[in-house]
Amino acid sequence: MAEALERQARSLLSAGAVRARAAKMLEIGLAGGLSHFTIDLDRMDGVAEAVLAVTRKAYPTLDIPFHARWRHFVLGGVDRWAGLADKVSWPDRAARARAEFDLAIVSVLLDAGAGATWRYRDAGTGESIGRSEGLAIASLDMFAGGLFSGDARAPFRADADVLAKLPLASLTSAFQVSDANPLLGLDGRTDLLRRLGKLVAERADIFGLNDTPRPGGLFDHIAAQAVGGAVAAPAILAAVLNQLGPIWPSRLEFAGIPLGDCWRHPAIEADDATAGLVPLHKLSQWLSYSLIEPLQRAGFDVTDIDGLTGLAEYRNGGLFVDHEVLRLRDPADAERAHAVDSLLVVEWRALTVALLDRLAGSVRARLGRTPETLPLASILEGGTWAAGRAIAFARRPDGAPPLKVISDGTVF
């Protein structure tokens, strides 16, 4: 019995479970069965046109990279990380991949909503950068400066023992936080990196296969699973969820297994003990997308990229609310702040994942592309995230999302 329950729990730690339960939520919504939203699919054409417009502007040749953390390290057309990494004499491709895993994992874990007022002043350009891009450049500067390394001669690494003891003051200073420049969820971010360090140190069998324990050791764990030089993208997510899952603050646990970004909604039926559970795994999937390119650079063929799902976050979600595909049953909900585990937010996020799949089909049809030639990861980048941000700024001066979510710095 315990084994069966553990198997059921682990089934939720997959992209397939995210996609299947999001599709169920959409099905319930289309039948009028959700408590907070109605759905108008007739407005999806307008969303597809908006996504195409921003995509063509950003990528006129329609040669669109993946939605990944690496895009945020490009500032003013200059790829900051490539500029640093290309100058290093790496002993082999795996060494660079471990460093890139270190950087991606730490940077993505630091990448929850920054709030509308926070800015990072870039020393190189003097530019003040906000939101996700500012967090990215700040985290890259920390990494390049050796903040996470235990070896002053080798800054481009994140060592488990350094992360485990990371002082709050170090991140406060590195993010340039002050009373005049507040950053949401700084305590939560610091705690998450400490948890990461502690877990990685304890799991040397996973994270220390070819080096002292470091998050980048996950590269070796995933590489060992390659078949004929190929790694399936959902296997990247499975490794992220199963190996890094315990770092998340305690939310739902099932059969002793932490479920991470997974929430309750009574409308979701299942014929086992996972009924009523809705996995979304937003940050873990964002991280998984960000680990594809390091694996490719190391010589692996990453397959089934569309096996991952769209990301249940406020830019993609806001896209559908602001374009009125999703309408609130109670308009007053637009003025309230909602907990991340509230039914309203769980519905919104799951519907976002399902609608992104529908939208991807519509965008591909307009461009005559296939999932192979235009994966969902590229549509997100082109794409949905930018279109969600664009309409947010068109509707509201500060570009805030249409719904207010109380974030602890580890979900959005």
Foldseek 3Di string as FASTA:
>chain_A
DLVVQVVVLLVLLFQVQQQVQLVVLVVCQCVVNADWKHFDCVLLVVLLVLFVVLLCVVPVVSPFDFLALQVLCQDPNRRNVCVVVVVDPQPALLSVLLLLLQLLVLLLLQQDFFDLQAWAQDPVPRDTHDHSSRSSNLSVVCQQCQQQPPDNVDSSFHALVSQLPPDLVVVCVSSVDDPNHHTAQSVVSSQLSNLVSVLQQVPCVQQVPPHHGGSSSVLVVQCVVDDPLEGELRVLSSSCCQRSVVSHDQDDDISNGGNHQKAFDQSAQDPDPCGRINHQCQSSSNSSSHSVVSSVSNPGHYPNNLSHWDHLDQLLLLSCVLSVSIDTPDVCQLVDEAECRDSVNSSSSSNSRNVLVVSVVVSCVVVVHDCVSQPSSRCVRSHRSVSSQVSLCVVDVSSDRSGHYDDNSRRD
